[in-house]
């Protein structure tokens, strides 16, 4: 589908822009010559924005999304026309240990961003939800009309994020749409507790990767560049009646088990290692993956990267990253 939307000189406001996915999104927006502003809690040396090489090409504002006045002020001063809301406390384990922090960031932060967009008349807003917003369903794959059954703190926070965005669309006519992505992977994810970066780090160190579960849970893994394309495509089409106020699944519908995933990473790295299966993880959903038919039909989006291809690029990114660190 040919796009006519022009990002050049467009004022774009991004929350979570120095995070894993946000930094890749910002990088793409910079390439499209948009004027990008990121609100960042604590600017730190060695952020994903720096590693990707675009930190000096964006405007950064110090502040938190939990502070409504800071969000509105930053949006107003930069003349935000498009908003991508990606900022969130995204670690399930942290959410279980510190639910209040997670609710403050993921729920209050979301209503602050949405209210600022409403008050300032932002023309296009994309809110990042998650496949975790669905909670548990027996039927697979998950479709957009499934109920949002989040039960754990993280799931609930994403269910609320999702519902708040659609409430603003329904009640106030805010031009907003929601993304529900599968498990996102790619270079720049420096949270080593996650299965893919943690496994890659171990494998590149010639260590046996650790699987906390029994290896059988099945998930859908989507490459970060496919996710960025999904966000961009969704924003570009938010002026369409069939897009505004809607939620869209983005996945690959090629789910694999955790054990199969780890073996693929080992192969992508060219190593000969055996994973260590701890079988300690509890309360995990056995199967979860998404149907992205709606995104294909309505948006003309489809994933470009097969899992093996994406993992190969991801492993190479971490090789380069580790080499760069050693040289410094």
C-alpha atoms as a PDB file:
ATOM      1  CA  UNK A   1       0.000   0.000   0.000  1.00  0.00           C
ATOM      2  CA  UNK A   2       1.492   3.331  -1.097  1.00  0.00           C
ATOM      3  CA  UNK A   3       1.659   5.988   1.617  1.00  0.00           C
ATOM      4  CA  UNK A   4       1.330   9.715   0.956  1.00  0.00           C
ATOM      5  CA  UNK A   5       1.915  10.835   4.542  1.00  0.00           C
ATOM      6  CA  UNK A   6       5.010  13.038   4.761  1.00  0.00           C
ATOM      7  CA  UNK A   7       7.055  12.876   7.974  1.00  0.00           C
ATOM      8  CA  UNK A   8       9.507  15.598   6.919  1.00  0.00           C
ATOM      9  CA  UNK A   9       9.483  18.439   9.490  1.00  0.00           C
ATOM     10  CA  UNK A  10       6.547  16.832  11.306  1.00  0.00           C
ATOM     11  CA  UNK A  11       6.667  17.497  15.073  1.00  0.00           C
ATOM     12  CA  UNK A  12       6.599  14.097  16.764  1.00  0.00           C
ATOM     13  CA  UNK A  13       6.481  13.457  20.512  1.00  0.00           C
ATOM     14  CA  UNK A  14       7.709  10.078  21.784  1.00  0.00           C
ATOM     15  CA  UNK A  15       7.477   8.654  25.286  1.00  0.00           C
ATOM     16  CA  UNK A  16       9.879   5.807  25.995  1.00  0.00           C
ATOM     17  CA  UNK A  17      12.065   7.031  23.150  1.00  0.00           C
ATOM     18  CA  UNK A  18      15.290   6.006  24.889  1.00  0.00           C
ATOM     19  CA  UNK A  19      14.071   2.460  25.480  1.00  0.00           C
ATOM     20  CA  UNK A  20      14.592  -0.660  23.397  1.00  0.00           C
ATOM     21  CA  UNK A  21      11.709  -0.294  20.919  1.00  0.00           C
ATOM     22  CA  UNK A  22      11.436   3.471  21.252  1.00  0.00           C
ATOM     23  CA  UNK A  23      15.023   4.053  20.146  1.00  0.00           C
ATOM     24  CA  UNK A  24      14.464   2.107  16.914  1.00  0.00           C
ATOM     25  CA  UNK A  25      11.258   4.053  16.296  1.00  0.00           C
ATOM     26  CA  UNK A  26      13.052   7.358  16.918  1.00  0.00           C
ATOM     27  CA  UNK A  27      15.848   6.291  14.565  1.00  0.00           C
ATOM     28  CA  UNK A  28      13.320   5.621  11.798  1.00  0.00           C
ATOM     29  CA  UNK A  29      11.563   8.943  12.397  1.00  0.00           C
ATOM     30  CA  UNK A  30      14.910  10.771  12.225  1.00  0.00           C
ATOM     31  CA  UNK A  31      15.633   9.094   8.880  1.00  0.00           C
ATOM     32  CA  UNK A  32      12.252  10.346   7.697  1.00  0.00           C
ATOM     33  CA  UNK A  33      13.373  13.860   8.742  1.00  0.00           C
ATOM     34  CA  UNK A  34      10.744  14.345  11.426  1.00  0.00           C
ATOM     35  CA  UNK A  35      11.372  16.717  14.332  1.00  0.00           C
ATOM     36  CA  UNK A  36      11.455  14.279  17.262  1.00  0.00           C
ATOM     37  CA  UNK A  37      11.087  15.160  20.935  1.00  0.00           C
ATOM     38  CA  UNK A  38      11.510  12.523  23.661  1.00  0.00           C
ATOM     39  CA  UNK A  39      10.488  12.983  27.276  1.00  0.00           C
ATOM     40  CA  UNK A  40      13.041  11.113  29.386  1.00  0.00           C
ATOM     41  CA  UNK A  41      12.990  10.463  33.113  1.00  0.00           C
ATOM     42  CA  UNK A  42      16.726  10.342  33.732  1.00  0.00           C
ATOM     43  CA  UNK A  43      19.071  10.894  30.781  1.00  0.00           C
ATOM     44  CA  UNK A  44      21.842   8.335  31.143  1.00  0.00           C
ATOM     45  CA  UNK A  45      25.054   7.673  29.300  1.00  0.00           C
ATOM     46  CA  UNK A  46      24.901   4.475  27.298  1.00  0.00           C
ATOM     47  CA  UNK A  47      21.175   4.586  26.465  1.00  0.00           C
ATOM     48  CA  UNK A  48      19.772   2.698  23.488  1.00  0.00           C
ATOM     49  CA  UNK A  49      19.464   6.032  21.649  1.00  0.00           C
ATOM     50  CA  UNK A  50      23.228   6.465  21.942  1.00  0.00           C
ATOM     51  CA  UNK A  51      24.048   2.943  20.843  1.00  0.00           C
ATOM     52  CA  UNK A  52      21.810   3.281  17.789  1.00  0.00           C
ATOM     53  CA  UNK A  53      23.500   6.607  17.058  1.00  0.00           C
ATOM     54  CA  UNK A  54      20.646   9.132  17.034  1.00  0.00           C
ATOM     55  CA  UNK A  55      20.812  10.669  20.536  1.00  0.00           C
ATOM     56  CA  UNK A  56      22.224  13.940  19.182  1.00  0.00           C
ATOM     57  CA  UNK A  57      19.547  14.205  16.485  1.00  0.00           C
ATOM     58  CA  UNK A  58      16.521  14.450  18.773  1.00  0.00           C
ATOM     59  CA  UNK A  59      15.237  16.988  21.262  1.00  0.00           C
ATOM     60  CA  UNK A  60      15.106  15.542  24.784  1.00  0.00           C
ATOM     61  CA  UNK A  61      13.044  16.932  27.642  1.00  0.00           C
ATOM     62  CA  UNK A  62      13.673  15.823  31.223  1.00  0.00           C
ATOM     63  CA  UNK A  63      10.468  14.699  32.889  1.00  0.00           C
ATOM     64  CA  UNK A  64       8.212  11.767  33.710  1.00  0.00           C
ATOM     65  CA  UNK A  65       4.912  10.708  32.220  1.00  0.00           C
ATOM     66  CA  UNK A  66       3.530  10.420  35.761  1.00  0.00           C
ATOM     67  CA  UNK A  67       3.721  14.248  35.885  1.00  0.00           C
ATOM     68  CA  UNK A  68       0.849  15.607  33.793  1.00  0.00           C
ATOM     69  CA  UNK A  69       2.135  19.187  33.751  1.00  0.00           C
ATOM     70  CA  UNK A  70       5.534  18.063  32.472  1.00  0.00           C
ATOM     71  CA  UNK A  71       3.939  16.034  29.671  1.00  0.00           C
ATOM     72  CA  UNK A  72       1.565  18.798  28.569  1.00  0.00           C
ATOM     73  CA  UNK A  73       4.293  21.464  28.738  1.00  0.00           C
ATOM     74  CA  UNK A  74       6.694  19.413  26.633  1.00  0.00           C
ATOM     75  CA  UNK A  75       4.039  18.640  24.023  1.00  0.00           C
ATOM     76  CA  UNK A  76       2.862  22.237  23.863  1.00  0.00           C
ATOM     77  CA  UNK A  77       6.303  23.776  23.582  1.00  0.00           C
ATOM     78  CA  UNK A  78       7.317  21.440  20.760  1.00  0.00           C
ATOM     79  CA  UNK A  79       4.023  21.717  18.871  1.00  0.00           C
ATOM     80  CA  UNK A  80       3.393  17.977  18.869  1.00  0.00           C
ATOM     81  CA  UNK A  81       1.332  16.819  15.879  1.00  0.00           C
ATOM     82  CA  UNK A  82       1.919  13.091  16.344  1.00  0.00           C
ATOM     83  CA  UNK A  83       2.420  11.211  19.613  1.00  0.00           C
ATOM     84  CA  UNK A  84       3.823   7.725  20.111  1.00  0.00           C
ATOM     85  CA  UNK A  85       3.276   6.532  23.685  1.00  0.00           C
ATOM     86  CA  UNK A  86       5.676   3.664  24.381  1.00  0.00           C
ATOM     87  CA  UNK A  87       6.913   4.484  27.898  1.00  0.00           C
ATOM     88  CA  UNK A  88       6.083   1.752  30.400  1.00  0.00           C
ATOM     89  CA  UNK A  89       7.455  -0.386  33.177  1.00  0.00           C
ATOM     90  CA  UNK A  90       7.789  -3.455  30.980  1.00  0.00           C
ATOM     91  CA  UNK A  91       9.267  -6.165  33.210  1.00  0.00           C
ATOM     92  CA  UNK A  92       6.788  -8.711  34.541  1.00  0.00           C
ATOM     93  CA  UNK A  93       8.946  -9.623  37.556  1.00  0.00           C
ATOM     94  CA  UNK A  94       9.316  -5.979  38.565  1.00  0.00           C
ATOM     95  CA  UNK A  95       5.560  -5.505  38.221  1.00  0.00           C
ATOM     96  CA  UNK A  96       4.927  -8.393  40.601  1.00  0.00           C
ATOM     97  CA  UNK A  97       7.363  -6.998  43.181  1.00  0.00           C
ATOM     98  CA  UNK A  98       6.413  -3.320  42.791  1.00  0.00           C
ATOM     99  CA  UNK A  99       2.826  -3.114  41.519  1.00  0.00           C
ATOM    100  CA  UNK A 100       2.273   0.495  42.620  1.00  0.00           C
ATOM    101  CA  UNK A 101       5.217   1.739  40.569  1.00  0.00           C
ATOM    102  CA  UNK A 102       3.971  -0.222  37.575  1.00  0.00           C
ATOM    103  CA  UNK A 103       0.415   1.102  37.923  1.00  0.00           C
ATOM    104  CA  UNK A 104       1.695   4.669  38.323  1.00  0.00           C
ATOM    105  CA  UNK A 105       3.799   4.469  35.177  1.00  0.00           C
ATOM    106  CA  UNK A 106       1.638   2.307  32.944  1.00  0.00           C
ATOM    107  CA  UNK A 107      -1.848   3.496  33.910  1.00  0.00           C
ATOM    108  CA  UNK A 108      -1.511   7.029  35.281  1.00  0.00           C
ATOM    109  CA  UNK A 109       1.219   7.749  32.743  1.00  0.00           C
ATOM    110  CA  UNK A 110      -1.114   6.697  29.951  1.00  0.00           C
ATOM    111  CA  UNK A 111      -4.044   8.846  31.038  1.00  0.00           C
ATOM    112  CA  UNK A 112      -1.677  11.801  31.407  1.00  0.00           C
ATOM    113  CA  UNK A 113      -0.414  11.390  27.846  1.00  0.00           C
ATOM    114  CA  UNK A 114      -3.928  10.898  26.456  1.00  0.00           C
ATOM    115  CA  UNK A 115      -5.323  13.909  28.315  1.00  0.00           C
ATOM    116  CA  UNK A 116      -2.471  16.108  27.098  1.00  0.00           C
ATOM    117  CA  UNK A 117      -3.126  14.925  23.537  1.00  0.00           C
ATOM    118  CA  UNK A 118      -6.815  15.776  23.970  1.00  0.00           C
ATOM    119  CA  UNK A 119      -6.199  19.211  25.452  1.00  0.00           C
ATOM    120  CA  UNK A 120      -3.640  20.149  22.792  1.00  0.00           C
ATOM    121  CA  UNK A 121      -5.491  18.651  19.833  1.00  0.00           C
ATOM    122  CA  UNK A 122      -2.748  16.219  18.800  1.00  0.00           C
ATOM    123  CA  UNK A 123      -3.827  14.837  15.411  1.00  0.00           C
ATOM    124  CA  UNK A 124      -2.454  11.292  15.641  1.00  0.00           C
ATOM    125  CA  UNK A 125      -1.662   9.207  18.739  1.00  0.00           C
ATOM    126  CA  UNK A 126      -0.408   5.626  18.842  1.00  0.00           C
ATOM    127  CA  UNK A 127      -0.481   3.827  22.201  1.00  0.00           C
ATOM    128  CA  UNK A 128       1.560   0.683  22.814  1.00  0.00           C
ATOM    129  CA  UNK A 129      -0.432  -2.008  24.589  1.00  0.00           C
ATOM    130  CA  UNK A 130       0.677  -5.649  24.505  1.00  0.00           C
ATOM    131  CA  UNK A 131      -0.471  -9.194  23.847  1.00  0.00           C
ATOM    132  CA  UNK A 132      -0.295  -9.515  27.655  1.00  0.00           C
ATOM    133  CA  UNK A 133      -3.392  -7.270  27.883  1.00  0.00           C
ATOM    134  CA  UNK A 134      -5.466 -10.260  26.775  1.00  0.00           C
ATOM    135  CA  UNK A 135      -4.540 -12.360  29.790  1.00  0.00           C
ATOM    136  CA  UNK A 136      -5.435 -16.018  29.336  1.00  0.00           C
ATOM    137  CA  UNK A 137      -7.727 -17.395  26.623  1.00  0.00           C
ATOM    138  CA  UNK A 138      -8.253 -21.010  25.645  1.00  0.00           C
ATOM    139  CA  UNK A 139      -8.818 -20.184  21.974  1.00  0.00           C
ATOM    140  CA  UNK A 140      -5.770 -19.448  19.815  1.00  0.00           C
ATOM    141  CA  UNK A 141      -4.608 -17.298  18.141  1.00  0.00           C
ATOM    142  CA  UNK A 142      -5.814 -14.219  20.026  1.00  0.00           C
ATOM    143  CA  UNK A 143      -7.960 -11.805  18.014  1.00  0.00           C
ATOM    144  CA  UNK A 144      -8.745  -8.145  18.623  1.00  0.00           C
ATOM    145  CA  UNK A 145     -12.331  -8.817  19.699  1.00  0.00           C
ATOM    146  CA  UNK A 146     -11.207 -11.063  22.578  1.00  0.00           C
ATOM    147  CA  UNK A 147     -11.869  -9.710  26.071  1.00  0.00           C
ATOM    148  CA  UNK A 148      -8.953  -8.109  27.905  1.00  0.00           C
ATOM    149  CA  UNK A 149      -8.547 -10.476  30.849  1.00  0.00           C
ATOM    150  CA  UNK A 150      -5.360  -9.253  32.493  1.00  0.00           C
ATOM    151  CA  UNK A 151      -4.977 -10.676  36.021  1.00  0.00           C
ATOM    152  CA  UNK A 152      -1.354 -10.170  37.092  1.00  0.00           C
ATOM    153  CA  UNK A 153      -0.141  -6.603  37.814  1.00  0.00           C
ATOM    154  CA  UNK A 154       1.645  -6.230  34.481  1.00  0.00           C
ATOM    155  CA  UNK A 155      -1.243  -7.715  32.485  1.00  0.00           C
ATOM    156  CA  UNK A 156      -3.739  -5.485  34.287  1.00  0.00           C
ATOM    157  CA  UNK A 157      -1.621  -2.390  33.630  1.00  0.00           C
ATOM    158  CA  UNK A 158      -1.603  -3.141  29.898  1.00  0.00           C
ATOM    159  CA  UNK A 159      -5.331  -3.963  29.854  1.00  0.00           C
ATOM    160  CA  UNK A 160      -5.944  -0.551  31.451  1.00  0.00           C
ATOM    161  CA  UNK A 161      -3.573   1.203  29.038  1.00  0.00           C
ATOM    162  CA  UNK A 162      -5.473  -0.338  26.162  1.00  0.00           C
ATOM    163  CA  UNK A 163      -8.926   0.509  27.506  1.00  0.00           C
ATOM    164  CA  UNK A 164      -7.985   4.081  28.404  1.00  0.00           C
ATOM    165  CA  UNK A 165      -6.828   4.762  24.853  1.00  0.00           C
ATOM    166  CA  UNK A 166     -10.013   3.420  23.329  1.00  0.00           C
ATOM    167  CA  UNK A 167     -12.118   5.292  25.924  1.00  0.00           C
ATOM    168  CA  UNK A 168     -10.521   8.564  24.796  1.00  0.00           C
ATOM    169  CA  UNK A 169     -11.292   7.666  21.199  1.00  0.00           C
ATOM    170  CA  UNK A 170     -14.919   6.758  21.922  1.00  0.00           C
ATOM    171  CA  UNK A 171     -15.715   9.552  24.396  1.00  0.00           C
ATOM    172  CA  UNK A 172     -13.704  12.477  23.054  1.00  0.00           C
ATOM    173  CA  UNK A 173     -13.074  11.515  19.444  1.00  0.00           C
ATOM    174  CA  UNK A 174      -9.318  11.496  20.050  1.00  0.00           C
ATOM    175  CA  UNK A 175      -7.563  10.140  16.934  1.00  0.00           C
ATOM    176  CA  UNK A 176      -5.778   7.315  18.739  1.00  0.00           C
ATOM    177  CA  UNK A 177      -5.107   3.657  17.944  1.00  0.00           C
ATOM    178  CA  UNK A 178      -3.593   0.817  19.951  1.00  0.00           C
ATOM    179  CA  UNK A 179      -0.853  -1.679  19.131  1.00  0.00           C
ATOM    180  CA  UNK A 180      -0.845  -5.164  20.635  1.00  0.00           C
ATOM    181  CA  UNK A 181       2.448  -6.828  19.753  1.00  0.00           C
ATOM    182  CA  UNK A 182       3.830 -10.260  20.458  1.00  0.00           C
ATOM    183  CA  UNK A 183       7.208 -10.706  22.157  1.00  0.00           C
ATOM    184  CA  UNK A 184       9.491  -8.092  20.591  1.00  0.00           C
ATOM    185  CA  UNK A 185      13.176  -8.831  20.044  1.00  0.00           C
ATOM    186  CA  UNK A 186      16.149  -7.214  18.341  1.00  0.00           C
ATOM    187  CA  UNK A 187      19.378  -5.372  19.019  1.00  0.00           C
ATOM    188  CA  UNK A 188      19.356  -2.751  21.733  1.00  0.00           C
ATOM    189  CA  UNK A 189      17.389  -4.689  24.347  1.00  0.00           C
ATOM    190  CA  UNK A 190      19.739  -4.461  27.307  1.00  0.00           C
ATOM    191  CA  UNK A 191      17.431  -6.152  29.790  1.00  0.00           C
ATOM    192  CA  UNK A 192      19.398  -9.356  30.223  1.00  0.00           C
ATOM    193  CA  UNK A 193      16.593 -11.020  32.196  1.00  0.00           C
ATOM    194  CA  UNK A 194      14.619 -11.385  28.971  1.00  0.00           C
ATOM    195  CA  UNK A 195      14.977 -14.704  27.174  1.00  0.00           C
ATOM    196  CA  UNK A 196      16.505 -13.478  23.902  1.00  0.00           C
ATOM    197  CA  UNK A 197      19.143 -10.943  25.058  1.00  0.00           C
ATOM    198  CA  UNK A 198      19.971 -13.133  28.060  1.00  0.00           C
ATOM    199  CA  UNK A 199      20.472 -16.182  25.867  1.00  0.00           C
ATOM    200  CA  UNK A 200      22.546 -14.277  23.316  1.00  0.00           C
ATOM    201  CA  UNK A 201      24.775 -12.844  26.048  1.00  0.00           C
ATOM    202  CA  UNK A 202      25.405 -16.321  27.489  1.00  0.00           C
ATOM    203  CA  UNK A 203      26.001 -17.932  24.109  1.00  0.00           C
ATOM    204  CA  UNK A 204      28.465 -15.250  22.960  1.00  0.00           C
ATOM    205  CA  UNK A 205      30.326 -15.851  26.224  1.00  0.00           C
ATOM    206  CA  UNK A 206      30.383 -19.586  25.412  1.00  0.00           C
ATOM    207  CA  UNK A 207      28.145 -20.314  28.400  1.00  0.00           C
ATOM    208  CA  UNK A 208      25.151 -22.637  28.443  1.00  0.00           C
ATOM    209  CA  UNK A 209      22.009 -20.486  28.288  1.00  0.00           C
ATOM    210  CA  UNK A 210      19.509 -20.877  31.116  1.00  0.00           C
ATOM    211  CA  UNK A 211      15.815 -21.604  30.555  1.00  0.00           C
ATOM    212  CA  UNK A 212      13.819 -20.764  33.679  1.00  0.00           C
ATOM    213  CA  UNK A 213      10.709 -22.674  32.536  1.00  0.00           C
ATOM    214  CA  UNK A 214      10.542 -26.270  31.368  1.00  0.00           C
ATOM    215  CA  UNK A 215      11.110 -25.053  27.815  1.00  0.00           C
ATOM    216  CA  UNK A 216       7.631 -25.889  26.508  1.00  0.00           C
ATOM    217  CA  UNK A 217       5.743 -22.514  26.676  1.00  0.00           C
ATOM    218  CA  UNK A 218       4.899 -21.326  23.175  1.00  0.00           C
ATOM    219  CA  UNK A 219       5.117 -17.683  22.110  1.00  0.00           C
ATOM    220  CA  UNK A 220       5.146 -15.468  19.041  1.00  0.00           C
ATOM    221  CA  UNK A 221       8.350 -13.441  18.529  1.00  0.00           C
ATOM    222  CA  UNK A 222       8.351 -10.340  16.321  1.00  0.00           C
ATOM    223  CA  UNK A 223      11.433  -8.465  15.129  1.00  0.00           C
ATOM    224  CA  UNK A 224      11.758  -4.865  16.302  1.00  0.00           C
ATOM    225  CA  UNK A 225      11.954  -3.432  12.767  1.00  0.00           C
ATOM    226  CA  UNK A 226       8.609  -5.050  11.944  1.00  0.00           C
ATOM    227  CA  UNK A 227       7.189  -3.413  15.080  1.00  0.00           C
ATOM    228  CA  UNK A 228       8.553  -0.002  14.076  1.00  0.00           C
ATOM    229  CA  UNK A 229       6.945  -0.414  10.662  1.00  0.00           C
ATOM    230  CA  UNK A 230       3.670  -1.270  12.427  1.00  0.00           C
ATOM    231  CA  UNK A 231       3.771   1.904  14.557  1.00  0.00           C
ATOM    232  CA  UNK A 232       4.622   4.099  11.568  1.00  0.00           C
ATOM    233  CA  UNK A 233       1.980   2.517   9.340  1.00  0.00           C
ATOM    234  CA  UNK A 234      -0.679   2.877  12.027  1.00  0.00           C
ATOM    235  CA  UNK A 235       0.129   6.559  12.616  1.00  0.00           C
ATOM    236  CA  UNK A 236       0.076   7.293   8.900  1.00  0.00           C
ATOM    237  CA  UNK A 237      -3.434   5.897   8.569  1.00  0.00           C
ATOM    238  CA  UNK A 238      -5.021   7.352  11.703  1.00  0.00           C
ATOM    239  CA  UNK A 239      -7.119   9.725   9.642  1.00  0.00           C
ATOM    240  CA  UNK A 240      -9.137   6.739   8.416  1.00  0.00           C
ATOM    241  CA  UNK A 241     -12.446   5.928  10.096  1.00  0.00           C
ATOM    242  CA  UNK A 242     -11.635   2.217  10.237  1.00  0.00           C
ATOM    243  CA  UNK A 243      -8.354   2.898  12.068  1.00  0.00           C
ATOM    244  CA  UNK A 244      -9.036   5.594  14.689  1.00  0.00           C
ATOM    245  CA  UNK A 245     -10.214   4.117  17.983  1.00  0.00           C
ATOM    246  CA  UNK A 246      -9.167   0.599  16.987  1.00  0.00           C
ATOM    247  CA  UNK A 247      -6.687  -1.908  18.387  1.00  0.00           C
ATOM    248  CA  UNK A 248      -4.458  -3.947  16.095  1.00  0.00           C
ATOM    249  CA  UNK A 249      -2.509  -7.144  16.700  1.00  0.00           C
ATOM    250  CA  UNK A 250       1.012  -7.339  15.286  1.00  0.00           C
ATOM    251  CA  UNK A 251       2.710 -10.719  15.246  1.00  0.00           C
ATOM    252  CA  UNK A 252       3.974 -13.422  12.918  1.00  0.00           C
ATOM    253  CA  UNK A 253       1.643 -16.360  13.629  1.00  0.00           C
ATOM    254  CA  UNK A 254       4.735 -18.589  13.686  1.00  0.00           C
ATOM    255  CA  UNK A 255       4.929 -19.442  17.392  1.00  0.00           C
ATOM    256  CA  UNK A 256       7.772 -21.529  18.769  1.00  0.00           C
ATOM    257  CA  UNK A 257       8.564 -23.085  22.130  1.00  0.00           C
ATOM    258  CA  UNK A 258      11.123 -21.479  24.420  1.00  0.00           C
ATOM    259  CA  UNK A 259      13.444 -24.443  23.930  1.00  0.00           C
ATOM    260  CA  UNK A 260      13.163 -24.196  20.144  1.00  0.00           C
ATOM    261  CA  UNK A 261      13.842 -20.459  20.349  1.00  0.00           C
ATOM    262  CA  UNK A 262      17.000 -20.962  22.422  1.00  0.00           C
ATOM    263  CA  UNK A 263      18.273 -23.603  19.997  1.00  0.00           C
ATOM    264  CA  UNK A 264      17.693 -21.188  17.110  1.00  0.00           C
ATOM    265  CA  UNK A 265      19.745 -18.529  18.909  1.00  0.00           C
ATOM    266  CA  UNK A 266      22.577 -21.004  19.512  1.00  0.00           C
ATOM    267  CA  UNK A 267      22.522 -21.903  15.802  1.00  0.00           C
ATOM    268  CA  UNK A 268      22.438 -18.220  14.749  1.00  0.00           C
ATOM    269  CA  UNK A 269      25.552 -17.631  16.842  1.00  0.00           C
ATOM    270  CA  UNK A 270      27.307 -20.654  15.325  1.00  0.00           C
ATOM    271  CA  UNK A 271      27.863 -22.266  18.703  1.00  0.00           C
ATOM    272  CA  UNK A 272      27.572 -25.822  19.991  1.00  0.00           C
ATOM    273  CA  UNK A 273      26.000 -25.490  23.427  1.00  0.00           C
ATOM    274  CA  UNK A 274      23.216 -27.165  25.366  1.00  0.00           C
ATOM    275  CA  UNK A 275      20.716 -25.070  27.334  1.00  0.00           C
ATOM    276  CA  UNK A 276      20.266 -25.610  31.066  1.00  0.00           C
ATOM    277  CA  UNK A 277      16.577 -26.126  31.852  1.00  0.00           C
ATOM    278  CA  UNK A 278      15.710 -25.086  35.423  1.00  0.00           C
ATOM    279  CA  UNK A 279      11.941 -25.662  35.278  1.00  0.00           C
ATOM    280  CA  UNK A 280      11.442 -23.032  38.007  1.00  0.00           C
ATOM    281  CA  UNK A 281       9.102 -20.503  36.346  1.00  0.00           C
ATOM    282  CA  UNK A 282       5.562 -20.628  37.681  1.00  0.00           C
ATOM    283  CA  UNK A 283       2.198 -19.219  36.551  1.00  0.00           C
ATOM    284  CA  UNK A 284       3.258 -18.822  32.925  1.00  0.00           C
ATOM    285  CA  UNK A 285       0.715 -19.113  30.144  1.00  0.00           C
ATOM    286  CA  UNK A 286       1.440 -22.251  28.171  1.00  0.00           C
ATOM    287  CA  UNK A 287       0.529 -20.781  24.775  1.00  0.00           C
ATOM    288  CA  UNK A 288       0.006 -17.247  23.545  1.00  0.00           C
ATOM    289  CA  UNK A 289       0.178 -15.830  20.042  1.00  0.00           C
ATOM    290  CA  UNK A 290      -1.727 -13.365  17.901  1.00  0.00           C
ATOM    291  CA  UNK A 291      -3.816 -13.247  14.745  1.00  0.00           C
ATOM    292  CA  UNK A 292      -2.698 -10.200  12.700  1.00  0.00           C
ATOM    293  CA  UNK A 293      -5.251 -10.570   9.889  1.00  0.00           C
ATOM    294  CA  UNK A 294      -6.894  -7.242  10.760  1.00  0.00           C
ATOM    295  CA  UNK A 295      -3.604  -5.332  10.433  1.00  0.00           C
ATOM    296  CA  UNK A 296      -3.020  -6.967   7.079  1.00  0.00           C
ATOM    297  CA  UNK A 297      -6.471  -6.150   5.698  1.00  0.00           C
ATOM    298  CA  UNK A 298      -6.964  -2.667   7.139  1.00  0.00           C
ATOM    299  CA  UNK A 299      -3.396  -1.308   7.207  1.00  0.00           C
ATOM    300  CA  UNK A 300      -1.675  -3.335   4.511  1.00  0.00           C
ATOM    301  CA  UNK A 301       0.981  -4.318   7.083  1.00  0.00           C
ATOM    302  CA  UNK A 302       2.766  -7.651   7.230  1.00  0.00           C
ATOM    303  CA  UNK A 303       5.916  -8.890   8.973  1.00  0.00           C
ATOM    304  CA  UNK A 304       8.994  -8.885   6.728  1.00  0.00           C
ATOM    305  CA  UNK A 305      11.377 -10.827   8.932  1.00  0.00           C
ATOM    306  CA  UNK A 306      11.300 -14.560   9.544  1.00  0.00           C
ATOM    307  CA  UNK A 307      12.476 -15.595  13.005  1.00  0.00           C
ATOM    308  CA  UNK A 308      15.773 -17.126  11.822  1.00  0.00           C
ATOM    309  CA  UNK A 309      16.599 -13.986   9.822  1.00  0.00           C
ATOM    310  CA  UNK A 310      15.716 -11.645  12.676  1.00  0.00           C
ATOM    311  CA  UNK A 311      17.727 -13.677  15.184  1.00  0.00           C
ATOM    312  CA  UNK A 312      20.760 -13.656  12.891  1.00  0.00           C
ATOM    313  CA  UNK A 313      20.649  -9.840  12.675  1.00  0.00           C
ATOM    314  CA  UNK A 314      20.069  -9.590  16.418  1.00  0.00           C
ATOM    315  CA  UNK A 315      23.049 -11.796  17.297  1.00  0.00           C
ATOM    316  CA  UNK A 316      25.257  -9.700  15.001  1.00  0.00           C
ATOM    317  CA  UNK A 317      24.060  -6.501  16.710  1.00  0.00           C
ATOM    318  CA  UNK A 318      25.141  -7.876  20.099  1.00  0.00           C
ATOM    319  CA  UNK A 319      28.497  -9.035  18.700  1.00  0.00           C
ATOM    320  CA  UNK A 320      29.145  -5.492  17.486  1.00  0.00           C
ATOM    321  CA  UNK A 321      27.859  -4.051  20.754  1.00  0.00           C
ATOM    322  CA  UNK A 322      30.157  -6.205  22.890  1.00  0.00           C
ATOM    323  CA  UNK A 323      33.127  -5.448  20.622  1.00  0.00           C
ATOM    324  CA  UNK A 324      32.459  -1.717  20.918  1.00  0.00           C
ATOM    325  CA  UNK A 325      32.327  -1.955  24.716  1.00  0.00           C
ATOM    326  CA  UNK A 326      35.633  -3.825  24.791  1.00  0.00           C
ATOM    327  CA  UNK A 327      37.269  -1.148  22.653  1.00  0.00           C
ATOM    328  CA  UNK A 328      36.180   1.700  24.935  1.00  0.00           C
END
